[in-house]
Protein backbone atom coordinates (compact mmCIF):
# COMPACT_ATOMS: atom_id res chain seq x y z
CA MET A 1 -91.40 -69.34 -44.67
CA LYS A 2 -93.83 -69.85 -41.76
CA ASN A 3 -91.43 -72.35 -40.11
CA TYR A 4 -88.61 -69.82 -40.42
CA ILE A 5 -90.75 -67.15 -38.69
CA THR A 6 -91.70 -69.48 -35.81
CA ILE A 7 -88.08 -70.57 -35.25
CA ASN A 8 -86.97 -66.94 -35.35
CA ILE A 9 -89.64 -65.93 -32.78
CA HIS A 10 -88.65 -68.85 -30.53
CA HIS A 11 -84.96 -67.80 -30.50
CA SER A 12 -85.92 -64.16 -29.90
CA ILE A 13 -88.04 -65.13 -26.86
CA GLU A 14 -85.18 -67.26 -25.58
CA ASN A 15 -82.84 -64.24 -25.81
CA ILE A 16 -85.12 -61.82 -23.92
CA LEU A 17 -85.63 -64.47 -21.21
CA LYS A 18 -81.86 -64.75 -20.75
CA GLN A 19 -81.67 -60.95 -20.55
CA HIS A 20 -84.50 -60.97 -17.93
CA VAL A 21 -86.57 -58.59 -20.04
CA ILE A 22 -89.60 -60.80 -19.25
CA ARG A 23 -89.77 -62.88 -16.05
CA HIS A 24 -93.32 -63.68 -14.88
CA CYS A 25 -95.23 -64.86 -17.98
CA PHE A 26 -93.85 -68.42 -17.83
CA LYS A 27 -94.50 -68.74 -14.06
CA PRO A 28 -98.28 -69.16 -13.67
CA VAL A 29 -97.86 -70.89 -10.29
CA SER A 30 -95.07 -69.09 -8.41
CA SER A 31 -96.02 -65.63 -9.81
CA GLU A 32 -99.76 -66.29 -9.81
CA ASP A 33 -100.96 -62.77 -8.93
CA GLN A 34 -98.62 -60.98 -11.36
CA PHE A 35 -99.24 -63.67 -14.00
CA GLU A 36 -103.01 -63.15 -13.90
CA LYS A 37 -102.59 -59.37 -14.26
CA LEU A 38 -100.29 -59.87 -17.25
CA GLU A 39 -102.78 -62.32 -18.74
CA PHE A 40 -105.58 -59.74 -18.38
CA PHE A 41 -103.49 -57.00 -19.96
CA GLY A 42 -102.20 -59.30 -22.73
CA ASP A 43 -105.75 -60.34 -23.64
CA SER A 44 -106.81 -56.67 -23.93
CA TYR A 45 -103.76 -55.67 -25.96
CA LEU A 46 -104.12 -58.68 -28.28
CA ASN A 47 -107.76 -57.81 -29.01
CA TYR A 48 -106.77 -54.21 -29.75
CA ALA A 49 -103.81 -55.17 -32.01
CA ILE A 50 -105.85 -57.72 -34.01
CA SER A 51 -108.81 -55.29 -34.28
CA ASN A 52 -106.44 -52.63 -35.64
CA ASN A 53 -105.05 -55.05 -38.24
CA ILE A 54 -108.54 -56.07 -39.35
CA PHE A 55 -109.75 -52.46 -39.53
CA GLN A 56 -106.73 -51.49 -41.70
CA THR A 57 -106.78 -54.52 -44.05
CA ARG A 58 -110.39 -55.77 -44.24
CA THR A 59 -112.17 -52.64 -45.41
CA MET A 60 -114.96 -54.62 -47.10
CA PHE A 61 -115.91 -56.30 -43.79
CA GLY A 62 -118.85 -55.14 -41.71
CA PRO A 63 -118.64 -55.03 -37.88
CA HIS A 64 -120.10 -58.54 -37.56
CA HIS A 65 -117.49 -60.14 -39.80
CA MET A 66 -114.70 -58.11 -38.22
CA THR A 67 -115.76 -59.49 -34.83
CA MET A 68 -115.89 -63.06 -36.14
CA LEU A 69 -112.41 -62.80 -37.70
CA ARG A 70 -111.01 -61.31 -34.48
CA SER A 71 -112.49 -64.17 -32.44
CA PHE A 72 -110.80 -66.70 -34.76
CA CYS A 73 -107.46 -64.90 -34.24
CA THR A 74 -107.69 -64.61 -30.45
CA LYS A 75 -109.65 -67.63 -29.22
CA ASN A 76 -107.97 -70.09 -26.84
CA LYS A 77 -107.56 -72.78 -29.48
CA THR A 78 -105.63 -70.41 -31.78
CA LEU A 79 -103.37 -69.33 -28.90
CA PHE A 80 -102.86 -72.99 -28.02
CA TRP A 81 -101.70 -73.68 -31.60
CA LEU A 82 -99.31 -70.73 -31.38
CA TYR A 83 -97.96 -72.05 -28.07
CA ASN A 84 -97.11 -75.36 -29.79
CA MET A 85 -95.80 -73.74 -32.99
CA LEU A 86 -93.36 -71.58 -31.02
CA ASN A 87 -92.44 -74.50 -28.72
CA LEU A 88 -93.09 -72.36 -25.63
CA GLU A 89 -93.28 -75.50 -23.49
CA GLN A 90 -89.47 -75.37 -23.41
CA PHE A 91 -89.63 -72.19 -21.29
CA VAL A 92 -92.08 -73.55 -18.68
CA ILE A 93 -90.49 -75.70 -15.97
CA GLN A 94 -92.38 -78.68 -14.54
CA GLU A 95 -93.25 -76.96 -11.24
CA GLU A 96 -94.98 -74.13 -13.13
CA ARG A 97 -97.34 -76.37 -15.13
CA LYS A 98 -100.88 -76.08 -13.83
CA PRO A 99 -102.91 -79.29 -13.44
CA HIS A 100 -105.79 -79.82 -15.84
CA LYS A 101 -108.95 -81.88 -15.43
CA ASP A 102 -109.90 -81.98 -19.13
CA ASP A 103 -108.80 -80.90 -22.64
CA LYS A 104 -110.55 -77.53 -22.34
CA THR A 105 -108.58 -76.63 -19.19
CA PHE A 106 -105.36 -77.92 -20.78
CA ILE A 107 -105.85 -75.65 -23.82
CA LYS A 108 -106.81 -72.64 -21.64
CA ASN A 109 -103.68 -73.02 -19.47
CA LYS A 110 -101.46 -72.76 -22.56
CA ALA A 111 -103.50 -69.88 -24.01
CA ASP A 112 -103.18 -67.98 -20.71
CA ILE A 113 -99.37 -68.22 -20.93
CA VAL A 114 -99.43 -66.76 -24.46
CA GLU A 115 -101.62 -63.84 -23.28
CA ALA A 116 -99.38 -63.19 -20.25
CA MET A 117 -96.30 -63.27 -22.51
CA ILE A 118 -97.87 -60.74 -24.92
CA GLY A 119 -98.82 -58.50 -21.98
CA GLU A 120 -95.36 -58.59 -20.40
CA MET A 121 -93.62 -57.96 -23.74
CA HIS A 122 -95.78 -54.91 -24.43
CA LEU A 123 -95.25 -53.49 -20.92
CA SER A 124 -91.47 -53.94 -21.15
CA GLN A 125 -91.27 -51.23 -23.86
CA SER A 126 -88.20 -53.07 -25.19
CA ASP A 127 -87.47 -52.56 -28.91
CA GLN A 128 -86.71 -56.26 -29.24
CA CYS A 129 -90.06 -57.13 -27.63
CA LYS A 130 -91.86 -54.78 -29.99
CA GLU A 131 -90.39 -56.61 -32.99
CA ILE A 132 -91.32 -60.00 -31.54
CA LEU A 133 -94.85 -58.78 -30.83
CA LYS A 134 -95.28 -57.65 -34.45
CA ASP A 135 -94.34 -61.16 -35.63
CA ILE A 136 -96.64 -62.83 -33.07
CA ILE A 137 -99.61 -60.62 -34.02
CA SER A 138 -98.95 -61.27 -37.73
CA LEU A 139 -98.79 -65.01 -37.12
CA LEU A 140 -102.04 -65.03 -35.10
CA TYR A 141 -103.67 -62.90 -37.80
CA TYR A 142 -102.53 -65.42 -40.43
CA ILE A 143 -103.90 -68.40 -38.45
CA GLY A 144 -107.22 -66.61 -37.80
CA ASN A 145 -107.59 -65.75 -41.49
CA GLU A 146 -107.00 -69.39 -42.47
CA ILE A 147 -109.77 -70.51 -40.08
CA PHE A 148 -112.06 -67.71 -41.30
CA ILE A 149 -111.59 -68.68 -44.97
CA LYS A 150 -112.66 -72.25 -44.19
CA SER A 151 -115.71 -71.08 -42.25
CA LYS A 152 -119.22 -70.27 -43.50
CA TYR A 153 -118.60 -66.55 -42.85
CA HIS A 154 -116.14 -66.24 -45.74
CA GLU A 155 -118.84 -67.02 -48.32
CA SER A 156 -121.17 -64.42 -46.83
CA VAL A 157 -118.43 -61.75 -47.05
CA THR A 158 -117.94 -62.67 -50.71
CA ASN A 159 -121.70 -62.23 -51.29
CA GLN A 160 -121.57 -58.80 -49.65
CA ALA A 161 -118.65 -57.78 -51.86
CA ILE A 162 -120.56 -58.89 -54.98
CA VAL A 163 -123.56 -56.74 -54.03
CA LYS A 164 -121.42 -53.67 -53.19
CA SER A 165 -119.21 -53.93 -56.26
CA ASN A 166 -122.16 -54.50 -58.63
CA PRO A 167 -124.77 -51.78 -58.00
CA ASN A 168 -126.51 -52.77 -61.25
CA ILE A 169 -127.67 -56.11 -59.81
CA PRO A 170 -131.50 -56.08 -59.79
CA THR A 171 -133.02 -55.19 -56.42
CA ASN A 172 -134.73 -58.60 -56.13
CA ASN A 173 -131.41 -60.38 -56.60
CA GLN A 174 -129.74 -58.10 -54.04
CA LYS A 175 -132.45 -58.99 -51.53
CA GLU A 176 -132.03 -62.70 -52.28
CA ILE A 177 -128.25 -62.49 -51.72
CA LYS A 178 -128.77 -60.45 -48.54
CA ASP A 179 -131.33 -62.95 -47.16
CA ASN A 180 -128.97 -65.81 -47.96
CA LEU A 181 -126.17 -63.91 -46.27
CA ASP A 182 -128.20 -63.21 -43.12
CA THR A 183 -129.15 -66.86 -42.63
CA LYS A 184 -125.57 -68.04 -43.15
CA THR A 185 -124.07 -65.53 -40.75
CA GLN A 186 -126.39 -66.45 -37.90
CA PRO A 187 -124.70 -68.40 -35.13
CA GLU A 188 -125.18 -72.15 -35.47
CA GLU A 189 -127.20 -72.25 -32.24
CA GLN A 190 -129.76 -69.83 -33.70
CA GLN A 191 -129.96 -71.82 -36.95
CA GLN A 192 -130.61 -75.01 -35.00
CA GLN A 193 -133.33 -73.42 -32.85
CA PRO A 194 -136.29 -74.02 -35.23
CA GLU A 195 -135.40 -77.72 -35.55
CA GLN A 196 -134.93 -78.07 -31.79
CA GLN A 197 -138.23 -76.30 -31.14
CA LYS A 198 -139.95 -78.63 -33.58
CA GLN A 199 -138.57 -81.68 -31.81
CA LYS A 200 -139.60 -80.31 -28.41
CA GLN A 201 -143.13 -79.64 -29.68
CA GLN A 202 -143.37 -83.18 -31.05
CA GLN A 203 -142.23 -84.62 -27.72
CA LYS A 204 -144.74 -82.48 -25.83
CA GLN A 205 -147.52 -83.59 -28.18
CA LYS A 206 -146.63 -87.26 -27.67
CA GLN A 207 -146.58 -86.81 -23.90
CA LYS A 208 -149.95 -85.04 -24.04
CA GLN A 209 -151.45 -87.85 -26.14
CA GLN A 210 -150.14 -90.48 -23.72
CA LYS A 211 -151.63 -88.61 -20.75
CA GLN A 212 -154.99 -88.29 -22.52
CA LYS A 213 -154.96 -92.01 -23.32
CA GLN A 214 -154.19 -92.90 -19.70
CA GLN A 215 -156.94 -90.61 -18.42
CA LYS A 216 -159.45 -92.12 -20.87
CA GLN A 217 -158.58 -95.65 -19.76
CA LYS A 218 -158.97 -94.61 -16.12
CA GLN A 219 -162.38 -93.04 -16.80
CA GLN A 220 -163.58 -96.15 -18.65
CA LYS A 221 -162.62 -98.32 -15.69
CA GLN A 222 -164.49 -96.03 -13.31
CA GLN A 223 -167.65 -95.93 -15.47
CA SER A 224 -167.97 -99.69 -16.21
CA PRO A 225 -170.55 -101.42 -13.83
CA LYS A 226 -169.26 -103.85 -11.26
CA ILE A 227 -170.27 -107.43 -11.99
CA LEU A 228 -171.21 -109.16 -8.78
CA PRO A 229 -170.91 -112.95 -8.46
CA LEU A 230 -174.22 -114.75 -9.00
CA LYS A 231 -175.70 -116.60 -6.02
CA PRO A 232 -177.53 -119.84 -6.77
CA LEU A 233 -181.28 -119.33 -6.39
CA SER A 234 -183.19 -122.01 -4.48
CA PRO A 235 -186.22 -123.03 -6.57
CA LYS A 236 -189.69 -122.51 -5.08
CA ILE A 237 -191.65 -125.81 -4.94
CA SER A 238 -195.42 -125.76 -4.80
CA GLU A 239 -197.46 -127.81 -2.26
CA GLU A 240 -198.98 -130.00 -4.99
CA THR A 241 -195.51 -130.88 -6.31
CA LYS A 242 -194.42 -131.81 -2.81
CA LYS A 243 -197.46 -134.13 -2.36
CA SER A 244 -196.95 -135.85 -5.71
CA PHE A 245 -193.26 -136.28 -4.90
CA LYS A 246 -194.20 -137.96 -1.58
CA LYS A 247 -196.57 -140.39 -3.36
CA VAL A 248 -193.89 -141.33 -5.86
CA THR A 249 -191.28 -141.97 -3.16
CA SER A 250 -193.73 -144.01 -1.03
CA SER A 251 -194.67 -146.20 -4.01
CA ILE A 252 -190.97 -146.84 -4.69
CA VAL A 253 -190.51 -147.97 -1.07
CA ILE A 254 -193.56 -150.33 -1.24
CA SER A 255 -192.40 -151.95 -4.48
CA LYS A 256 -189.01 -152.63 -2.93
CA LYS A 257 -190.66 -154.48 -0.08
């Protein structure tokens, strides 16, 4: 069914291109100024259309979860998938393909084309474009929902629904579910902060200990007395010893004679 929809959208886009209903959205290089305006408008319209769908169909969602679902539907990676699913590359000639330095830029370039296409279709006010836009929005909404269901946010929405639909749950249990929900819906960066802070503190403590050790060693070296080299002391000889020594040496000389 999904393949049929994508093929149908592809052929519909091909038809409106031949009829010149849309002209600039697949020319990011030669129509750069107009392309960027269409991209801006398409991004705004897409956010509005997806927000409207979520508001109408996800009544149990709070604002936070609505925002998360919308971001899954409209982020660059989702638009990049749509670009490939609809085989939009066929409508972009080689000269109109922007260079890319990395994967992120490559994905953004394709996503920008999708946004510009949505913007130009909406501005055309063509009935055919309106029908194509409905299918595109539905497809993006479907992809975003699939990503949302696999994310941690889906479980927290389920917990909220349990609390709301069961008012007889004891207050303590409601608080436990709510606390669990709040921790799970925090962005990953915020959840990782305590662990990162702990690691930073440990590193700082190690550095402080090393500095203290180095300072202690330096102080010990400064405080230890300098050992000077010993000079040989010449022994003091008394006069009597000298005289006796002379007698002994003279007697040795006489005996030799």
